Amino acid sequence: MRRIEKKTRQITAVVSVAAAIILTLLLFFFRTRDAMAFSNELFLAAILIAIVPSAVLDLENQRWTDAIDDQMPLFVRGISESQETGTTLIGSIENTVKNNVVHRPLSDEINRLTVQMSWGLSFEAALNNFRQRVASPVVTRFSALVLEASRSGGEIRKVFTATSGFMDDMREMDRETDSQMKPYLLIVYVAFYVFIFTSIILLMSFFKPLQGFQQILSPLTVVGISDFKDFFYRTMIISGLMGGLMAGKIGERRVPGGLKHAIIMVISGYIVFYFMIPPNWMVI
């Protein structure tokens, strides 16, 4: 796991979306028979081009952030215990790495923090740099508590002792929240697959048998069963994309965290449609 710079993620997202838009525009302007036959697949490819690179980078960066958040209570407790022996703040921070209290990737960030302080940077400035690099709620709360205590003239050792217990409690609350949100995450998936199988039933049991009866359903003969297939294919892709983003917001409280759910939904939805409702190009 490694940290992905925010700027890198932003550039990747812009380039991916631009590539997807270009592909969509090419499909719109060059409406050849072959292109239109594979329009659903090209639309799916455009969606995947837009979200897969960002999803991969976000997943890698989030794994790095979570690894740091999980070790933060140990880091704070290690500083508190080291200061009980009269060690300076910088020495206490260094000891958490030397004594293997924390491991990578947090140990790498701590080493960077101590190097900055040894070069003359103030504790407040070094801690702010650490907070901006990690940019997680856990580190932000830790930095805010310690900096406020430092500014108000409080005894920093006692602050670290109290913060350690607070962070353990907050991390446990985050885990409980994640556990409580899982049923709602499941509801999003269930709703998506209910839509898929409802679409299959409508097409196979209703629209397809009636397409030959002009006197009963004349608009269907004008539109054609292939157009209904296209409609359900594209609706499925859009529903999977939106449902995935919603799942990310529910499960991780972050919309980018839903990109991986969106990829799972649109790909699995296409596979189900492919076998149950063969695309138009298979019957041309």
C-alpha atoms as a PDB file:
ATOM      1  CA  MET A   1       0.000   0.000   0.000  1.00  0.00           C
ATOM      2  CA  ARG A   2       1.148   3.547  -0.653  1.00  0.00           C
ATOM      3  CA  ARG A   3      -0.051   7.107  -0.461  1.00  0.00           C
ATOM      4  CA  ILE A   4      -1.484   8.555  -3.650  1.00  0.00           C
ATOM      5  CA  GLU A   5      -1.175  12.324  -3.877  1.00  0.00           C
ATOM      6  CA  LYS A   6      -4.489  14.161  -4.036  1.00  0.00           C
ATOM      7  CA  LYS A   7      -3.316  16.010  -7.140  1.00  0.00           C
ATOM      8  CA  THR A   8      -2.504  12.704  -8.839  1.00  0.00           C
ATOM      9  CA  ARG A   9      -5.983  11.382  -8.070  1.00  0.00           C
ATOM     10  CA  GLN A  10      -7.593  14.564  -9.368  1.00  0.00           C
ATOM     11  CA  ILE A  11      -5.606  14.526 -12.615  1.00  0.00           C
ATOM     12  CA  THR A  12      -6.403  10.847 -13.124  1.00  0.00           C
ATOM     13  CA  ALA A  13     -10.122  11.499 -12.591  1.00  0.00           C
ATOM     14  CA  VAL A  14     -10.148  14.405 -15.080  1.00  0.00           C
ATOM     15  CA  VAL A  15      -8.225  12.463 -17.742  1.00  0.00           C
ATOM     16  CA  SER A  16     -10.409   9.362 -17.310  1.00  0.00           C
ATOM     17  CA  VAL A  17     -13.664  11.313 -17.556  1.00  0.00           C
ATOM     18  CA  ALA A  18     -12.351  13.223 -20.581  1.00  0.00           C
ATOM     19  CA  ALA A  19     -11.424   9.953 -22.310  1.00  0.00           C
ATOM     20  CA  ALA A  20     -14.895   8.557 -21.588  1.00  0.00           C
ATOM     21  CA  ILE A  21     -16.562  11.692 -22.982  1.00  0.00           C
ATOM     22  CA  ILE A  22     -14.438  11.522 -26.139  1.00  0.00           C
ATOM     23  CA  LEU A  23     -15.405   7.891 -26.671  1.00  0.00           C
ATOM     24  CA  THR A  24     -19.087   8.765 -26.210  1.00  0.00           C
ATOM     25  CA  LEU A  25     -18.843  11.675 -28.665  1.00  0.00           C
ATOM     26  CA  LEU A  26     -17.120   9.486 -31.243  1.00  0.00           C
ATOM     27  CA  LEU A  27     -19.958   6.992 -30.937  1.00  0.00           C
ATOM     28  CA  PHE A  28     -22.480   9.802 -31.380  1.00  0.00           C
ATOM     29  CA  PHE A  29     -20.846  11.392 -34.441  1.00  0.00           C
ATOM     30  CA  PHE A  30     -19.827   8.169 -36.211  1.00  0.00           C
ATOM     31  CA  ARG A  31     -23.066   6.229 -36.144  1.00  0.00           C
ATOM     32  CA  THR A  32     -21.970   3.343 -38.279  1.00  0.00           C
ATOM     33  CA  ARG A  33     -23.965   0.132 -38.283  1.00  0.00           C
ATOM     34  CA  ASP A  34     -21.252  -1.740 -36.401  1.00  0.00           C
ATOM     35  CA  ALA A  35     -20.834   1.029 -33.823  1.00  0.00           C
ATOM     36  CA  MET A  36     -24.565   1.180 -33.134  1.00  0.00           C
ATOM     37  CA  ALA A  37     -24.738  -2.611 -32.827  1.00  0.00           C
ATOM     38  CA  PHE A  38     -22.167  -2.443 -30.018  1.00  0.00           C
ATOM     39  CA  SER A  39     -23.443   0.827 -28.530  1.00  0.00           C
ATOM     40  CA  ASN A  40     -24.288  -0.726 -25.163  1.00  0.00           C
ATOM     41  CA  GLU A  41     -20.844  -2.284 -24.851  1.00  0.00           C
ATOM     42  CA  LEU A  42     -19.189   1.000 -25.861  1.00  0.00           C
ATOM     43  CA  PHE A  43     -21.288   2.843 -23.298  1.00  0.00           C
ATOM     44  CA  LEU A  44     -20.207   0.321 -20.649  1.00  0.00           C
ATOM     45  CA  ALA A  45     -16.581   0.743 -21.732  1.00  0.00           C
ATOM     46  CA  ALA A  46     -16.885   4.532 -21.429  1.00  0.00           C
ATOM     47  CA  ILE A  47     -18.251   4.216 -17.875  1.00  0.00           C
ATOM     48  CA  LEU A  48     -15.456   1.830 -16.878  1.00  0.00           C
ATOM     49  CA  ILE A  49     -12.794   4.075 -18.440  1.00  0.00           C
ATOM     50  CA  ALA A  50     -14.174   6.962 -16.392  1.00  0.00           C
ATOM     51  CA  ILE A  51     -14.239   5.206 -13.011  1.00  0.00           C
ATOM     52  CA  VAL A  52     -11.759   2.290 -12.937  1.00  0.00           C
ATOM     53  CA  PRO A  53      -8.498   4.338 -12.733  1.00  0.00           C
ATOM     54  CA  SER A  54      -9.936   6.582 -10.006  1.00  0.00           C
ATOM     55  CA  ALA A  55     -11.300   3.554  -8.141  1.00  0.00           C
ATOM     56  CA  VAL A  56      -7.908   1.814  -8.147  1.00  0.00           C
ATOM     57  CA  LEU A  57      -6.056   4.901  -6.889  1.00  0.00           C
ATOM     58  CA  ASP A  58      -8.705   5.678  -4.276  1.00  0.00           C
ATOM     59  CA  LEU A  59      -8.672   2.086  -2.991  1.00  0.00           C
ATOM     60  CA  GLU A  60      -4.873   2.087  -2.708  1.00  0.00           C
ATOM     61  CA  ASN A  61      -4.826   5.451  -0.936  1.00  0.00           C
ATOM     62  CA  GLN A  62      -7.660   4.460   1.410  1.00  0.00           C
ATOM     63  CA  ARG A  63      -5.837   1.261   2.409  1.00  0.00           C
ATOM     64  CA  TRP A  64      -2.823   3.424   3.281  1.00  0.00           C
ATOM     65  CA  THR A  65      -4.977   5.848   5.286  1.00  0.00           C
ATOM     66  CA  ASP A  66      -6.793   3.049   7.139  1.00  0.00           C
ATOM     67  CA  ALA A  67      -3.471   1.441   8.077  1.00  0.00           C
ATOM     68  CA  ILE A  68      -2.373   4.718   9.658  1.00  0.00           C
ATOM     69  CA  ASP A  69      -5.700   5.261  11.439  1.00  0.00           C
ATOM     70  CA  ASP A  70      -5.591   1.768  12.952  1.00  0.00           C
ATOM     71  CA  GLN A  71      -2.169   2.470  14.500  1.00  0.00           C
ATOM     72  CA  MET A  72      -2.828   6.004  15.737  1.00  0.00           C
ATOM     73  CA  PRO A  73      -4.050   4.939  19.240  1.00  0.00           C
ATOM     74  CA  LEU A  74      -0.864   2.856  19.655  1.00  0.00           C
ATOM     75  CA  PHE A  75       1.227   5.810  18.498  1.00  0.00           C
ATOM     76  CA  VAL A  76      -0.363   8.198  21.005  1.00  0.00           C
ATOM     77  CA  ARG A  77      -0.151   5.658  23.837  1.00  0.00           C
ATOM     78  CA  GLY A  78       3.526   5.049  23.033  1.00  0.00           C
ATOM     79  CA  ILE A  79       4.276   8.786  23.271  1.00  0.00           C
ATOM     80  CA  SER A  80       2.421   9.030  26.579  1.00  0.00           C
ATOM     81  CA  GLU A  81       4.269   6.074  28.113  1.00  0.00           C
ATOM     82  CA  SER A  82       7.630   7.339  26.892  1.00  0.00           C
ATOM     83  CA  GLN A  83       7.042  10.784  28.367  1.00  0.00           C
ATOM     84  CA  GLU A  84       6.287   9.206  31.732  1.00  0.00           C
ATOM     85  CA  THR A  85      10.029   8.440  31.915  1.00  0.00           C
ATOM     86  CA  GLY A  86      10.924  12.093  31.322  1.00  0.00           C
ATOM     87  CA  THR A  87      11.828  11.770  27.634  1.00  0.00           C
ATOM     88  CA  THR A  88      11.416  14.866  25.473  1.00  0.00           C
ATOM     89  CA  LEU A  89       8.567  15.089  22.982  1.00  0.00           C
ATOM     90  CA  ILE A  90      10.805  14.477  19.963  1.00  0.00           C
ATOM     91  CA  GLY A  91      12.500  11.588  21.757  1.00  0.00           C
ATOM     92  CA  SER A  92       9.126  10.099  22.686  1.00  0.00           C
ATOM     93  CA  ILE A  93       7.951  10.254  19.098  1.00  0.00           C
ATOM     94  CA  GLU A  94      11.180   8.652  17.869  1.00  0.00           C
ATOM     95  CA  ASN A  95      10.889   5.882  20.463  1.00  0.00           C
ATOM     96  CA  THR A  96       7.522   4.764  19.077  1.00  0.00           C
ATOM     97  CA  VAL A  97       9.369   3.762  15.906  1.00  0.00           C
ATOM     98  CA  LYS A  98      12.557   2.454  17.520  1.00  0.00           C
ATOM     99  CA  ASN A  99      10.591   0.240  19.926  1.00  0.00           C
ATOM    100  CA  ASN A 100       8.356  -1.062  17.104  1.00  0.00           C
ATOM    101  CA  VAL A 101       5.257   0.365  18.731  1.00  0.00           C
ATOM    102  CA  VAL A 102       4.046   1.297  15.242  1.00  0.00           C
ATOM    103  CA  HIS A 103       4.936   0.001  11.809  1.00  0.00           C
ATOM    104  CA  ARG A 104       4.734   1.146   8.233  1.00  0.00           C
ATOM    105  CA  PRO A 105       3.184   3.214   6.800  1.00  0.00           C
ATOM    106  CA  LEU A 106       2.737   5.232  10.027  1.00  0.00           C
ATOM    107  CA  SER A 107       6.393   4.777  10.989  1.00  0.00           C
ATOM    108  CA  ASP A 108       7.459   6.423   7.711  1.00  0.00           C
ATOM    109  CA  GLU A 109       5.276   9.442   8.440  1.00  0.00           C
ATOM    110  CA  ILE A 110       6.587   9.675  12.018  1.00  0.00           C
ATOM    111  CA  ASN A 111      10.165   9.623  10.762  1.00  0.00           C
ATOM    112  CA  ARG A 112       9.318  12.465   8.394  1.00  0.00           C
ATOM    113  CA  LEU A 113       7.717  14.402  11.246  1.00  0.00           C
ATOM    114  CA  THR A 114      10.769  13.999  13.528  1.00  0.00           C
ATOM    115  CA  VAL A 115      13.164  14.961  10.738  1.00  0.00           C
ATOM    116  CA  GLN A 116      11.214  18.160  10.121  1.00  0.00           C
ATOM    117  CA  MET A 117      11.298  18.989  13.837  1.00  0.00           C
ATOM    118  CA  SER A 118      15.045  18.238  14.051  1.00  0.00           C
ATOM    119  CA  TRP A 119      15.596  20.708  11.209  1.00  0.00           C
ATOM    120  CA  GLY A 120      14.035  23.459  13.289  1.00  0.00           C
ATOM    121  CA  LEU A 121      10.405  23.268  12.250  1.00  0.00           C
ATOM    122  CA  SER A 122       8.058  23.851  15.173  1.00  0.00           C
ATOM    123  CA  PHE A 123       6.004  20.995  16.579  1.00  0.00           C
ATOM    124  CA  GLU A 124       2.809  22.769  15.500  1.00  0.00           C
ATOM    125  CA  ALA A 125       3.985  23.202  11.901  1.00  0.00           C
ATOM    126  CA  ALA A 126       5.280  19.615  11.662  1.00  0.00           C
ATOM    127  CA  LEU A 127       2.018  18.252  13.070  1.00  0.00           C
ATOM    128  CA  ASN A 128       0.002  20.352  10.611  1.00  0.00           C
ATOM    129  CA  ASN A 129       2.068  18.923   7.749  1.00  0.00           C
ATOM    130  CA  PHE A 130       1.385  15.416   9.057  1.00  0.00           C
ATOM    131  CA  ARG A 131      -2.362  16.166   9.257  1.00  0.00           C
ATOM    132  CA  GLN A 132      -2.442  17.529   5.694  1.00  0.00           C
ATOM    133  CA  ARG A 133      -0.527  14.554   4.266  1.00  0.00           C
ATOM    134  CA  VAL A 134      -2.758  11.912   5.842  1.00  0.00           C
ATOM    135  CA  ALA A 135      -6.017  13.911   5.689  1.00  0.00           C
ATOM    136  CA  SER A 136      -8.087  11.412   7.654  1.00  0.00           C
ATOM    137  CA  PRO A 137     -10.699  12.191  10.342  1.00  0.00           C
ATOM    138  CA  VAL A 138      -8.712  10.294  12.996  1.00  0.00           C
ATOM    139  CA  VAL A 139      -5.477  12.209  12.382  1.00  0.00           C
ATOM    140  CA  THR A 140      -7.376  15.493  12.088  1.00  0.00           C
ATOM    141  CA  ARG A 141      -9.032  14.967  15.485  1.00  0.00           C
ATOM    142  CA  PHE A 142      -5.701  13.984  17.048  1.00  0.00           C
ATOM    143  CA  SER A 143      -3.923  17.037  15.640  1.00  0.00           C
ATOM    144  CA  ALA A 144      -6.675  19.418  16.729  1.00  0.00           C
ATOM    145  CA  LEU A 145      -6.638  18.122  20.317  1.00  0.00           C
ATOM    146  CA  VAL A 146      -2.863  18.217  20.694  1.00  0.00           C
ATOM    147  CA  LEU A 147      -2.436  21.614  19.044  1.00  0.00           C
ATOM    148  CA  GLU A 148      -5.153  23.223  21.168  1.00  0.00           C
ATOM    149  CA  ALA A 149      -3.535  21.850  24.328  1.00  0.00           C
ATOM    150  CA  SER A 150      -0.141  23.109  23.174  1.00  0.00           C
ATOM    151  CA  ARG A 151      -1.489  26.604  22.441  1.00  0.00           C
ATOM    152  CA  SER A 152      -3.348  26.845  25.740  1.00  0.00           C
ATOM    153  CA  GLY A 153      -0.235  25.962  27.718  1.00  0.00           C
ATOM    154  CA  GLY A 154      -1.450  22.608  29.017  1.00  0.00           C
ATOM    155  CA  GLU A 155       0.870  19.798  30.068  1.00  0.00           C
ATOM    156  CA  ILE A 156       1.395  17.934  26.823  1.00  0.00           C
ATOM    157  CA  ARG A 157       2.023  14.581  28.550  1.00  0.00           C
ATOM    158  CA  LYS A 158      -1.434  14.557  30.096  1.00  0.00           C
ATOM    159  CA  VAL A 159      -2.949  15.524  26.760  1.00  0.00           C
ATOM    160  CA  PHE A 160      -1.397  12.501  25.057  1.00  0.00           C
ATOM    161  CA  THR A 161      -2.639  10.219  27.842  1.00  0.00           C
ATOM    162  CA  ALA A 162      -6.208  11.496  27.515  1.00  0.00           C
ATOM    163  CA  THR A 163      -6.065  11.523  23.711  1.00  0.00           C
ATOM    164  CA  SER A 164      -5.009   7.871  23.597  1.00  0.00           C
ATOM    165  CA  GLY A 165      -8.188   6.736  25.359  1.00  0.00           C
ATOM    166  CA  PHE A 166     -10.309   9.111  23.296  1.00  0.00           C
ATOM    167  CA  MET A 167      -8.910   7.773  20.028  1.00  0.00           C
ATOM    168  CA  ASP A 168      -9.514   4.171  21.087  1.00  0.00           C
ATOM    169  CA  ASP A 169     -13.137   5.067  21.774  1.00  0.00           C
ATOM    170  CA  MET A 170     -13.543   6.937  18.479  1.00  0.00           C
ATOM    171  CA  ARG A 171     -11.983   4.109  16.475  1.00  0.00           C
ATOM    172  CA  GLU A 172     -14.327   1.628  18.145  1.00  0.00           C
ATOM    173  CA  MET A 173     -17.272   3.889  17.326  1.00  0.00           C
ATOM    174  CA  ASP A 174     -16.155   3.999  13.673  1.00  0.00           C
ATOM    175  CA  ARG A 175     -16.072   0.199  13.553  1.00  0.00           C
ATOM    176  CA  GLU A 176     -19.530  -0.017  15.098  1.00  0.00           C
ATOM    177  CA  THR A 177     -20.847   2.490  12.571  1.00  0.00           C
ATOM    178  CA  ASP A 178     -19.368   0.472   9.704  1.00  0.00           C
ATOM    179  CA  SER A 179     -21.012  -2.664  11.089  1.00  0.00           C
ATOM    180  CA  GLN A 180     -24.382  -0.931  11.444  1.00  0.00           C
ATOM    181  CA  MET A 181     -24.218   0.398   7.866  1.00  0.00           C
ATOM    182  CA  LYS A 182     -23.652  -3.022   6.270  1.00  0.00           C
ATOM    183  CA  PRO A 183     -27.376  -3.935   6.140  1.00  0.00           C
ATOM    184  CA  TYR A 184     -28.089  -0.671   4.296  1.00  0.00           C
ATOM    185  CA  LEU A 185     -25.232  -1.432   1.921  1.00  0.00           C
ATOM    186  CA  LEU A 186     -26.826  -4.807   1.257  1.00  0.00           C
ATOM    187  CA  ILE A 187     -30.150  -3.109   0.501  1.00  0.00           C
ATOM    188  CA  VAL A 188     -28.522  -1.136  -2.331  1.00  0.00           C
ATOM    189  CA  TYR A 189     -27.202  -4.347  -3.904  1.00  0.00           C
ATOM    190  CA  VAL A 190     -30.521  -6.158  -3.455  1.00  0.00           C
ATOM    191  CA  ALA A 191     -32.444  -3.262  -5.035  1.00  0.00           C
ATOM    192  CA  PHE A 192     -30.088  -3.295  -8.044  1.00  0.00           C
ATOM    193  CA  TYR A 193     -30.433  -7.031  -8.666  1.00  0.00           C
ATOM    194  CA  VAL A 194     -34.198  -6.861  -8.148  1.00  0.00           C
ATOM    195  CA  PHE A 195     -34.257  -4.272 -10.932  1.00  0.00           C
ATOM    196  CA  ILE A 196     -32.164  -6.559 -13.155  1.00  0.00           C
ATOM    197  CA  PHE A 197     -34.402  -9.595 -12.734  1.00  0.00           C
ATOM    198  CA  THR A 198     -37.556  -7.480 -13.070  1.00  0.00           C
ATOM    199  CA  SER A 199     -36.202  -6.176 -16.376  1.00  0.00           C
ATOM    200  CA  ILE A 200     -35.480  -9.721 -17.551  1.00  0.00           C
ATOM    201  CA  ILE A 201     -38.999 -10.864 -16.654  1.00  0.00           C
ATOM    202  CA  LEU A 202     -40.572  -7.886 -18.443  1.00  0.00           C
ATOM    203  CA  LEU A 203     -38.561  -8.426 -21.609  1.00  0.00           C
ATOM    204  CA  MET A 204     -38.809 -12.193 -21.813  1.00  0.00           C
ATOM    205  CA  SER A 205     -42.344 -12.694 -20.494  1.00  0.00           C
ATOM    206  CA  PHE A 206     -44.136  -9.561 -21.651  1.00  0.00           C
ATOM    207  CA  PHE A 207     -42.513  -7.501 -24.407  1.00  0.00           C
ATOM    208  CA  LYS A 208     -41.022 -10.347 -26.452  1.00  0.00           C
ATOM    209  CA  PRO A 209     -44.225 -12.476 -26.719  1.00  0.00           C
ATOM    210  CA  LEU A 210     -46.279  -9.393 -27.665  1.00  0.00           C
ATOM    211  CA  GLN A 211     -44.001  -7.958 -30.321  1.00  0.00           C
ATOM    212  CA  GLY A 212     -45.802  -9.803 -33.104  1.00  0.00           C
ATOM    213  CA  PHE A 213     -49.317  -8.687 -32.153  1.00  0.00           C
ATOM    214  CA  GLN A 214     -49.728  -5.312 -33.830  1.00  0.00           C
ATOM    215  CA  GLN A 215     -53.401  -5.048 -32.988  1.00  0.00           C
ATOM    216  CA  ILE A 216     -52.629  -5.432 -29.255  1.00  0.00           C
ATOM    217  CA  LEU A 217     -49.437  -3.465 -28.848  1.00  0.00           C
ATOM    218  CA  SER A 218     -48.746  -1.528 -32.037  1.00  0.00           C
ATOM    219  CA  PRO A 219     -46.168   0.862 -30.528  1.00  0.00           C
ATOM    220  CA  LEU A 220     -44.010  -2.124 -29.609  1.00  0.00           C
ATOM    221  CA  THR A 221     -43.802  -3.230 -33.257  1.00  0.00           C
ATOM    222  CA  VAL A 222     -42.706   0.270 -34.231  1.00  0.00           C
ATOM    223  CA  VAL A 223     -40.040   0.468 -31.564  1.00  0.00           C
ATOM    224  CA  GLY A 224     -38.943  -3.164 -31.698  1.00  0.00           C
ATOM    225  CA  ILE A 225     -37.715  -5.534 -29.029  1.00  0.00           C
ATOM    226  CA  SER A 226     -34.098  -4.535 -29.765  1.00  0.00           C
ATOM    227  CA  ASP A 227     -34.824  -0.954 -28.675  1.00  0.00           C
ATOM    228  CA  PHE A 228     -36.278  -2.215 -25.403  1.00  0.00           C
ATOM    229  CA  LYS A 229     -33.138  -4.277 -24.886  1.00  0.00           C
ATOM    230  CA  ASP A 230     -30.990  -1.183 -25.429  1.00  0.00           C
ATOM    231  CA  PHE A 231     -33.144   0.774 -22.981  1.00  0.00           C
ATOM    232  CA  PHE A 232     -32.807  -1.810 -20.225  1.00  0.00           C
ATOM    233  CA  TYR A 233     -29.065  -2.299 -20.844  1.00  0.00           C
ATOM    234  CA  ARG A 234     -28.343   1.415 -20.515  1.00  0.00           C
ATOM    235  CA  THR A 235     -30.683   1.847 -17.571  1.00  0.00           C
ATOM    236  CA  MET A 236     -28.923  -1.041 -15.839  1.00  0.00           C
ATOM    237  CA  ILE A 237     -25.500   0.573 -16.359  1.00  0.00           C
ATOM    238  CA  ILE A 238     -26.643   3.954 -15.047  1.00  0.00           C
ATOM    239  CA  SER A 239     -28.430   2.336 -12.090  1.00  0.00           C
ATOM    240  CA  GLY A 240     -25.299   0.362 -11.229  1.00  0.00           C
ATOM    241  CA  LEU A 241     -23.158   3.496 -11.363  1.00  0.00           C
ATOM    242  CA  MET A 242     -25.504   5.579  -9.205  1.00  0.00           C
ATOM    243  CA  GLY A 243     -26.194   2.684  -6.820  1.00  0.00           C
ATOM    244  CA  GLY A 244     -22.474   2.090  -6.359  1.00  0.00           C
ATOM    245  CA  LEU A 245     -21.806   5.729  -5.490  1.00  0.00           C
ATOM    246  CA  MET A 246     -24.710   5.630  -3.051  1.00  0.00           C
ATOM    247  CA  ALA A 247     -23.293   2.471  -1.477  1.00  0.00           C
ATOM    248  CA  GLY A 248     -19.965   4.242  -0.966  1.00  0.00           C
ATOM    249  CA  LYS A 249     -21.621   7.180   0.743  1.00  0.00           C
ATOM    250  CA  ILE A 250     -23.578   4.837   3.024  1.00  0.00           C
ATOM    251  CA  GLY A 251     -20.804   2.373   3.794  1.00  0.00           C
ATOM    252  CA  GLU A 252     -17.752   4.649   3.989  1.00  0.00           C
ATOM    253  CA  ARG A 253     -19.317   8.121   4.194  1.00  0.00           C
ATOM    254  CA  ARG A 254     -17.342   8.910   1.014  1.00  0.00           C
ATOM    255  CA  VAL A 255     -18.689   9.049  -2.529  1.00  0.00           C
ATOM    256  CA  PRO A 256     -15.316   8.009  -4.087  1.00  0.00           C
ATOM    257  CA  GLY A 257     -15.461   4.909  -1.885  1.00  0.00           C
ATOM    258  CA  GLY A 258     -18.441   3.788  -3.955  1.00  0.00           C
ATOM    259  CA  LEU A 259     -16.497   3.538  -7.216  1.00  0.00           C
ATOM    260  CA  LYS A 260     -15.525  -0.068  -6.491  1.00  0.00           C
ATOM    261  CA  HIS A 261     -19.165  -0.910  -5.788  1.00  0.00           C
ATOM    262  CA  ALA A 262     -20.182   0.744  -9.059  1.00  0.00           C
ATOM    263  CA  ILE A 263     -17.655  -1.373 -10.992  1.00  0.00           C
ATOM    264  CA  ILE A 264     -18.946  -4.570  -9.369  1.00  0.00           C
ATOM    265  CA  MET A 265     -22.556  -3.663 -10.114  1.00  0.00           C
ATOM    266  CA  VAL A 266     -22.221  -2.637 -13.754  1.00  0.00           C
ATOM    267  CA  ILE A 267     -19.986  -5.588 -14.677  1.00  0.00           C
ATOM    268  CA  SER A 268     -22.078  -8.176 -12.856  1.00  0.00           C
ATOM    269  CA  GLY A 269     -25.269  -6.615 -14.261  1.00  0.00           C
ATOM    270  CA  TYR A 270     -23.916  -6.807 -17.788  1.00  0.00           C
ATOM    271  CA  ILE A 271     -22.892 -10.440 -17.332  1.00  0.00           C
ATOM    272  CA  VAL A 272     -26.396 -11.366 -16.113  1.00  0.00           C
ATOM    273  CA  PHE A 273     -28.013  -9.490 -19.008  1.00  0.00           C
ATOM    274  CA  TYR A 274     -25.574 -11.033 -21.491  1.00  0.00           C
ATOM    275  CA  PHE A 275     -26.657 -14.586 -20.624  1.00  0.00           C
ATOM    276  CA  MET A 276     -30.335 -13.900 -19.914  1.00  0.00           C
ATOM    277  CA  ILE A 277     -31.020 -11.212 -22.534  1.00  0.00           C
ATOM    278  CA  PRO A 278     -28.409 -11.622 -25.313  1.00  0.00           C
ATOM    279  CA  PRO A 279     -27.353  -8.244 -26.766  1.00  0.00           C
ATOM    280  CA  ASN A 280     -28.661  -7.211 -30.181  1.00  0.00           C
ATOM    281  CA  TRP A 281     -25.368  -7.887 -31.983  1.00  0.00           C
ATOM    282  CA  MET A 282     -25.640 -11.583 -31.116  1.00  0.00           C
ATOM    283  CA  VAL A 283     -28.845 -11.928 -33.120  1.00  0.00           C
ATOM    284  CA  ILE A 284     -28.015  -9.663 -36.040  1.00  0.00           C
END
